[in-house]
Each structure stands twice: as structure tokens, then as C-alpha cells.
Amino acid sequence: MEELIKRVSERTGMPEDKAKTAIETVVGFLKERLPAPIAGHVDSALEHAGGTVVDKASDLIGNIGGMFGK
């Protein structure tokens, strides 16, 4: 998760603490809406993710930051 926090912070210009809050919000949102067996793996996937998951997540959040002029 630390790698994702750093990437989101860099791409959006957010301080790392705000990036962490944004990521936790998105992850919580996803876990609420995914089927229970899949939701249970979200945290593990983020902690052990290769570049692909981290890249996709940071791209998504970077795009959201772009919508707000970051």
C-alpha cells in the first residue's frame, strides 16, 4: 500500500496523508460493493500487488486528481 500512496501523492500533488485517506476511501467503497469472497482479498491484493494493480489504481486516482486541477 505504501507504494500506491506514494504514486497517488506524486500524481495528484496531494500530501501522502491525504492520498492515504483517498485510497482508504476508495478501497472501502469497493469492499462494500464487491461480493464477500472477493472483497476479502482486496487488502491482500494491494499489499502484495505487482506493478499492474498499483499502476491501475494510481492511474485512476491520478485521473480523479486531474478532475480537480491537480
PDB file of N, CA and C in Angstrom:
ATOM      1  N   MET A   1       0.826  -1.189   0.000  1.00  0.00           N
ATOM      2  CA  MET A   1       0.000   0.000   0.000  1.00  0.00           C
ATOM      3  C   MET A   1       0.868   1.248   0.000  1.00  0.00           C
ATOM      4  N   GLU A   2       2.041   1.181   0.601  1.00  0.00           N
ATOM      5  CA  GLU A   2       2.912   2.354   0.667  1.00  0.00           C
ATOM      6  C   GLU A   2       3.310   2.831  -0.729  1.00  0.00           C
ATOM      7  N   GLU A   3       3.574   1.882  -1.628  1.00  0.00           N
ATOM      8  CA  GLU A   3       3.931   2.261  -3.000  1.00  0.00           C
ATOM      9  C   GLU A   3       2.774   2.995  -3.660  1.00  0.00           C
ATOM     10  N   LEU A   4       1.567   2.511  -3.451  1.00  0.00           N
ATOM     11  CA  LEU A   4       0.383   3.146  -4.024  1.00  0.00           C
ATOM     12  C   LEU A   4       0.205   4.552  -3.443  1.00  0.00           C
ATOM     13  N   ILE A   5       0.394   4.705  -2.158  1.00  0.00           N
ATOM     14  CA  ILE A   5       0.264   6.021  -1.518  1.00  0.00           C
ATOM     15  C   ILE A   5       1.252   7.004  -2.134  1.00  0.00           C
ATOM     16  N   LYS A   6       2.485   6.571  -2.310  1.00  0.00           N
ATOM     17  CA  LYS A   6       3.500   7.456  -2.902  1.00  0.00           C
ATOM     18  C   LYS A   6       3.142   7.832  -4.331  1.00  0.00           C
ATOM     19  N   ARG A   7       2.696   6.865  -5.113  1.00  0.00           N
ATOM     20  CA  ARG A   7       2.342   7.156  -6.503  1.00  0.00           C
ATOM     21  C   ARG A   7       1.155   8.109  -6.597  1.00  0.00           C
ATOM     22  N   VAL A   8       0.152   7.869  -5.787  1.00  0.00           N
ATOM     23  CA  VAL A   8      -1.019   8.754  -5.808  1.00  0.00           C
ATOM     24  C   VAL A   8      -0.610  10.155  -5.383  1.00  0.00           C
ATOM     25  N   SER A   9       0.215  10.254  -4.366  1.00  0.00           N
ATOM     26  CA  SER A   9       0.681  11.549  -3.896  1.00  0.00           C
ATOM     27  C   SER A   9       1.434  12.287  -5.004  1.00  0.00           C
ATOM     28  N   GLU A  10       2.309  11.589  -5.687  1.00  0.00           N
ATOM     29  CA  GLU A  10       3.084  12.195  -6.770  1.00  0.00           C
ATOM     30  C   GLU A  10       2.198  12.625  -7.936  1.00  0.00           C
ATOM     31  N   ARG A  11       1.252  11.778  -8.315  1.00  0.00           N
ATOM     32  CA  ARG A  11       0.425  12.052  -9.490  1.00  0.00           C
ATOM     33  C   ARG A  11      -0.624  13.127  -9.248  1.00  0.00           C
ATOM     34  N   THR A  12      -1.075  13.242  -8.023  1.00  0.00           N
ATOM     35  CA  THR A  12      -2.144  14.208  -7.742  1.00  0.00           C
ATOM     36  C   THR A  12      -1.647  15.475  -7.074  1.00  0.00           C
ATOM     37  N   GLY A  13      -0.437  15.433  -6.532  1.00  0.00           N
ATOM     38  CA  GLY A  13       0.075  16.573  -5.789  1.00  0.00           C
ATOM     39  C   GLY A  13      -0.451  16.630  -4.366  1.00  0.00           C
ATOM     40  N   MET A  14      -1.164  15.583  -3.941  1.00  0.00           N
ATOM     41  CA  MET A  14      -1.692  15.515  -2.576  1.00  0.00           C
ATOM     42  C   MET A  14      -0.576  15.153  -1.610  1.00  0.00           C
ATOM     43  N   PRO A  15      -0.652  15.647  -0.392  1.00  0.00           N
ATOM     44  CA  PRO A  15       0.275  15.143   0.633  1.00  0.00           C
ATOM     45  C   PRO A  15      -0.022  13.653   0.871  1.00  0.00           C
ATOM     46  N   GLU A  16       0.971  12.912   1.320  1.00  0.00           N
ATOM     47  CA  GLU A  16       0.792  11.469   1.487  1.00  0.00           C
ATOM     48  C   GLU A  16      -0.339  11.115   2.440  1.00  0.00           C
ATOM     49  N   ASP A  17      -0.550  11.899   3.484  1.00  0.00           N
ATOM     50  CA  ASP A  17      -1.633  11.568   4.414  1.00  0.00           C
ATOM     51  C   ASP A  17      -2.996  11.700   3.740  1.00  0.00           C
ATOM     52  N   LYS A  18      -3.144  12.677   2.856  1.00  0.00           N
ATOM     53  CA  LYS A  18      -4.411  12.845   2.129  1.00  0.00           C
ATOM     54  C   LYS A  18      -4.565  11.742   1.081  1.00  0.00           C
ATOM     55  N   ALA A  19      -3.464  11.362   0.432  1.00  0.00           N
ATOM     56  CA  ALA A  19      -3.503  10.280  -0.547  1.00  0.00           C
ATOM     57  C   ALA A  19      -3.922   8.976   0.133  1.00  0.00           C
ATOM     58  N   LYS A  20      -3.389   8.737   1.323  1.00  0.00           N
ATOM     59  CA  LYS A  20      -3.748   7.528   2.070  1.00  0.00           C
ATOM     60  C   LYS A  20      -5.243   7.525   2.388  1.00  0.00           C
ATOM     61  N   THR A  21      -5.759   8.666   2.814  1.00  0.00           N
ATOM     62  CA  THR A  21      -7.189   8.767   3.110  1.00  0.00           C
ATOM     63  C   THR A  21      -8.020   8.504   1.859  1.00  0.00           C
ATOM     64  N   ALA A  22      -7.605   9.058   0.728  1.00  0.00           N
ATOM     65  CA  ALA A  22      -8.330   8.839  -0.527  1.00  0.00           C
ATOM     66  C   ALA A  22      -8.322   7.362  -0.907  1.00  0.00           C
ATOM     67  N   ILE A  23      -7.179   6.721  -0.794  1.00  0.00           N
ATOM     68  CA  ILE A  23      -7.073   5.301  -1.133  1.00  0.00           C
ATOM     69  C   ILE A  23      -7.939   4.468  -0.199  1.00  0.00           C
ATOM     70  N   GLU A  24      -7.880   4.753   1.091  1.00  0.00           N
ATOM     71  CA  GLU A  24      -8.699   4.009   2.048  1.00  0.00           C
ATOM     72  C   GLU A  24     -10.185   4.184   1.754  1.00  0.00           C
ATOM     73  N   THR A  25     -10.581   5.359   1.322  1.00  0.00           N
ATOM     74  CA  THR A  25     -11.980   5.612   0.971  1.00  0.00           C
ATOM     75  C   THR A  25     -12.389   4.786  -0.233  1.00  0.00           C
ATOM     76  N   VAL A  26     -11.545   4.779  -1.265  1.00  0.00           N
ATOM     77  CA  VAL A  26     -11.848   4.011  -2.479  1.00  0.00           C
ATOM     78  C   VAL A  26     -11.873   2.520  -2.171  1.00  0.00           C
ATOM     79  N   VAL A  27     -10.900   2.042  -1.414  1.00  0.00           N
ATOM     80  CA  VAL A  27     -10.856   0.619  -1.068  1.00  0.00           C
ATOM     81  C   VAL A  27     -12.090   0.231  -0.255  1.00  0.00           C
ATOM     82  N   GLY A  28     -12.476   1.050   0.699  1.00  0.00           N
ATOM     83  CA  GLY A  28     -13.683   0.775   1.485  1.00  0.00           C
ATOM     84  C   GLY A  28     -14.923   0.721   0.618  1.00  0.00           C
ATOM     85  N   PHE A  29     -15.014   1.648  -0.324  1.00  0.00           N
ATOM     86  CA  PHE A  29     -16.138   1.683  -1.263  1.00  0.00           C
ATOM     87  C   PHE A  29     -16.189   0.390  -2.074  1.00  0.00           C
ATOM     88  N   LEU A  30     -15.054  -0.029  -2.600  1.00  0.00           N
ATOM     89  CA  LEU A  30     -15.010  -1.255  -3.394  1.00  0.00           C
ATOM     90  C   LEU A  30     -15.372  -2.472  -2.559  1.00  0.00           C
ATOM     91  N   LYS A  31     -14.837  -2.547  -1.351  1.00  0.00           N
ATOM     92  CA  LYS A  31     -15.106  -3.702  -0.496  1.00  0.00           C
ATOM     93  C   LYS A  31     -16.580  -3.803  -0.122  1.00  0.00           C
ATOM     94  N   GLU A  32     -17.255  -2.671   0.001  1.00  0.00           N
ATOM     95  CA  GLU A  32     -18.686  -2.690   0.314  1.00  0.00           C
ATOM     96  C   GLU A  32     -19.510  -3.238  -0.849  1.00  0.00           C
ATOM     97  N   ARG A  33     -19.027  -3.052  -2.064  1.00  0.00           N
ATOM     98  CA  ARG A  33     -19.815  -3.393  -3.240  1.00  0.00           C
ATOM     99  C   ARG A  33     -19.425  -4.700  -3.918  1.00  0.00           C
ATOM    100  N   LEU A  34     -18.268  -5.227  -3.584  1.00  0.00           N
ATOM    101  CA  LEU A  34     -17.827  -6.492  -4.167  1.00  0.00           C
ATOM    102  C   LEU A  34     -18.443  -7.660  -3.401  1.00  0.00           C
ATOM    103  N   PRO A  35     -18.609  -8.793  -4.070  1.00  0.00           N
ATOM    104  CA  PRO A  35     -19.065  -9.986  -3.344  1.00  0.00           C
ATOM    105  C   PRO A  35     -18.077 -10.314  -2.215  1.00  0.00           C
ATOM    106  N   ALA A  36     -18.598 -10.806  -1.112  1.00  0.00           N
ATOM    107  CA  ALA A  36     -17.786 -11.053   0.088  1.00  0.00           C
ATOM    108  C   ALA A  36     -16.508 -11.849  -0.187  1.00  0.00           C
ATOM    109  N   PRO A  37     -16.566 -12.934  -0.971  1.00  0.00           N
ATOM    110  CA  PRO A  37     -15.317 -13.680  -1.193  1.00  0.00           C
ATOM    111  C   PRO A  37     -14.236 -12.853  -1.889  1.00  0.00           C
ATOM    112  N   ILE A  38     -14.631 -11.951  -2.741  1.00  0.00           N
ATOM    113  CA  ILE A  38     -13.662 -11.113  -3.453  1.00  0.00           C
ATOM    114  C   ILE A  38     -13.231  -9.950  -2.567  1.00  0.00           C
ATOM    115  N   ALA A  39     -14.180  -9.345  -1.869  1.00  0.00           N
ATOM    116  CA  ALA A  39     -13.875  -8.205  -1.005  1.00  0.00           C
ATOM    117  C   ALA A  39     -12.828  -8.576   0.040  1.00  0.00           C
ATOM    118  N   GLY A  40     -12.866  -9.816   0.495  1.00  0.00           N
ATOM    119  CA  GLY A  40     -11.907 -10.269   1.494  1.00  0.00           C
ATOM    120  C   GLY A  40     -10.477 -10.296   0.999  1.00  0.00           C
ATOM    121  N   HIS A  41     -10.280 -10.248  -0.313  1.00  0.00           N
ATOM    122  CA  HIS A  41      -8.945 -10.308  -0.886  1.00  0.00           C
ATOM    123  C   HIS A  41      -8.402  -8.942  -1.306  1.00  0.00           C
ATOM    124  N   VAL A  42      -9.196  -7.910  -1.190  1.00  0.00           N
ATOM    125  CA  VAL A  42      -8.784  -6.588  -1.668  1.00  0.00           C
ATOM    126  C   VAL A  42      -7.538  -6.093  -0.932  1.00  0.00           C
ATOM    127  N   ASP A  43      -7.544  -6.117   0.381  1.00  0.00           N
ATOM    128  CA  ASP A  43      -6.395  -5.633   1.145  1.00  0.00           C
ATOM    129  C   ASP A  43      -5.143  -6.444   0.822  1.00  0.00           C
ATOM    130  N   SER A  44      -5.315  -7.749   0.760  1.00  0.00           N
ATOM    131  CA  SER A  44      -4.178  -8.609   0.444  1.00  0.00           C
ATOM    132  C   SER A  44      -3.625  -8.301  -0.945  1.00  0.00           C
ATOM    133  N   ALA A  45      -4.508  -8.079  -1.904  1.00  0.00           N
ATOM    134  CA  ALA A  45      -4.064  -7.770  -3.264  1.00  0.00           C
ATOM    135  C   ALA A  45      -3.274  -6.470  -3.297  1.00  0.00           C
ATOM    136  N   LEU A  46      -3.706  -5.479  -2.535  1.00  0.00           N
ATOM    137  CA  LEU A  46      -2.992  -4.205  -2.517  1.00  0.00           C
ATOM    138  C   LEU A  46      -1.628  -4.332  -1.832  1.00  0.00           C
ATOM    139  N   GLU A  47      -1.558  -5.122  -0.790  1.00  0.00           N
ATOM    140  CA  GLU A  47      -0.295  -5.288  -0.075  1.00  0.00           C
ATOM    141  C   GLU A  47       0.727  -6.078  -0.885  1.00  0.00           C
ATOM    142  N   HIS A  48       0.251  -7.030  -1.687  1.00  0.00           N
ATOM    143  CA  HIS A  48       1.159  -7.923  -2.402  1.00  0.00           C
ATOM    144  C   HIS A  48       1.110  -7.709  -3.907  1.00  0.00           C
ATOM    145  N   ALA A  49       0.526  -6.611  -4.318  1.00  0.00           N
ATOM    146  CA  ALA A  49       0.311  -6.376  -5.739  1.00  0.00           C
ATOM    147  C   ALA A  49       1.606  -6.127  -6.483  1.00  0.00           C
ATOM    148  N   GLY A  50       1.613  -6.643  -7.678  1.00  0.00           N
ATOM    149  CA  GLY A  50       2.694  -6.294  -8.599  1.00  0.00           C
ATOM    150  C   GLY A  50       2.374  -4.938  -9.184  1.00  0.00           C
ATOM    151  N   GLY A  51       3.187  -4.497 -10.092  1.00  0.00           N
ATOM    152  CA  GLY A  51       3.019  -3.182 -10.684  1.00  0.00           C
ATOM    153  C   GLY A  51       1.680  -2.956 -11.327  1.00  0.00           C
ATOM    154  N   THR A  52       1.059  -3.977 -11.900  1.00  0.00           N
ATOM    155  CA  THR A  52      -0.166  -3.773 -12.661  1.00  0.00           C
ATOM    156  C   THR A  52      -1.290  -3.212 -11.802  1.00  0.00           C
ATOM    157  N   VAL A  53      -1.560  -3.807 -10.661  1.00  0.00           N
ATOM    158  CA  VAL A  53      -2.646  -3.329  -9.811  1.00  0.00           C
ATOM    159  C   VAL A  53      -2.336  -1.943  -9.277  1.00  0.00           C
ATOM    160  N   VAL A  54      -1.118  -1.745  -8.829  1.00  0.00           N
ATOM    161  CA  VAL A  54      -0.727  -0.444  -8.288  1.00  0.00           C
ATOM    162  C   VAL A  54      -0.796   0.608  -9.384  1.00  0.00           C
ATOM    163  N   ASP A  55      -0.308   0.282 -10.577  1.00  0.00           N
ATOM    164  CA  ASP A  55      -0.348   1.234 -11.692  1.00  0.00           C
ATOM    165  C   ASP A  55      -1.777   1.616 -12.046  1.00  0.00           C
ATOM    166  N   LYS A  56      -2.645   0.633 -12.137  1.00  0.00           N
ATOM    167  CA  LYS A  56      -4.047   0.905 -12.490  1.00  0.00           C
ATOM    168  C   LYS A  56      -4.706   1.763 -11.423  1.00  0.00           C
ATOM    169  N   ALA A  57      -4.489   1.436 -10.163  1.00  0.00           N
ATOM    170  CA  ALA A  57      -5.100   2.202  -9.080  1.00  0.00           C
ATOM    171  C   ALA A  57      -4.551   3.621  -9.043  1.00  0.00           C
ATOM    172  N   SER A  58      -3.245   3.779  -9.219  1.00  0.00           N
ATOM    173  CA  SER A  58      -2.694   5.129  -9.174  1.00  0.00           C
ATOM    174  C   SER A  58      -3.115   5.929 -10.397  1.00  0.00           C
ATOM    175  N   ASP A  59      -3.280   5.271 -11.550  1.00  0.00           N
ATOM    176  CA  ASP A  59      -3.790   5.959 -12.742  1.00  0.00           C
ATOM    177  C   ASP A  59      -5.197   6.473 -12.494  1.00  0.00           C
ATOM    178  N   LEU A  60      -6.036   5.623 -11.913  1.00  0.00           N
ATOM    179  CA  LEU A  60      -7.418   6.002 -11.634  1.00  0.00           C
ATOM    180  C   LEU A  60      -7.464   7.196 -10.685  1.00  0.00           C
ATOM    181  N   ILE A  61      -6.731   7.119  -9.607  1.00  0.00           N
ATOM    182  CA  ILE A  61      -6.768   8.203  -8.628  1.00  0.00           C
ATOM    183  C   ILE A  61      -6.077   9.444  -9.194  1.00  0.00           C
ATOM    184  N   GLY A  62      -5.055   9.259 -10.020  1.00  0.00           N
ATOM    185  CA  GLY A  62      -4.413  10.389 -10.680  1.00  0.00           C
ATOM    186  C   GLY A  62      -5.385  11.123 -11.595  1.00  0.00           C
ATOM    187  N   ASN A  63      -6.213  10.358 -12.295  1.00  0.00           N
ATOM    188  CA  ASN A  63      -7.222  10.953 -13.159  1.00  0.00           C
ATOM    189  C   ASN A  63      -8.258  11.725 -12.341  1.00  0.00           C
ATOM    190  N   ILE A  64      -8.620  11.191 -11.197  1.00  0.00           N
ATOM    191  CA  ILE A  64      -9.558  11.883 -10.319  1.00  0.00           C
ATOM    192  C   ILE A  64      -8.937  13.183  -9.845  1.00  0.00           C
ATOM    193  N   GLY A  65      -7.650  13.157  -9.494  1.00  0.00           N
ATOM    194  CA  GLY A  65      -6.960  14.379  -9.088  1.00  0.00           C
ATOM    195  C   GLY A  65      -6.954  15.401 -10.210  1.00  0.00           C
ATOM    196  N   GLY A  66      -6.806  14.927 -11.459  1.00  0.00           N
ATOM    197  CA  GLY A  66      -6.822  15.818 -12.612  1.00  0.00           C
ATOM    198  C   GLY A  66      -8.149  16.523 -12.771  1.00  0.00           C
ATOM    199  N   MET A  67      -9.204  15.882 -12.352  1.00  0.00           N
ATOM    200  CA  MET A  67     -10.529  16.497 -12.449  1.00  0.00           C
ATOM    201  C   MET A  67     -10.637  17.694 -11.507  1.00  0.00           C
ATOM    202  N   PHE A  68      -9.797  17.706 -10.488  1.00  0.00           N
ATOM    203  CA  PHE A  68      -9.831  18.792  -9.506  1.00  0.00           C
ATOM    204  C   PHE A  68      -8.660  19.757  -9.690  1.00  0.00           C
ATOM    205  N   GLY A  69      -8.035  19.695 -10.862  1.00  0.00           N
ATOM    206  CA  GLY A  69      -6.988  20.644 -11.192  1.00  0.00           C
ATOM    207  C   GLY A  69      -5.627  20.323 -10.624  1.00  0.00           C
ATOM    208  N   LYS A  70      -5.406  19.082 -10.193  1.00  0.00           N
ATOM    209  CA  LYS A  70      -4.094  18.689  -9.637  1.00  0.00           C
ATOM    210  C   LYS A  70      -3.269  18.064 -10.720  1.00  0.00           C
TER     211      LYS A  70
END
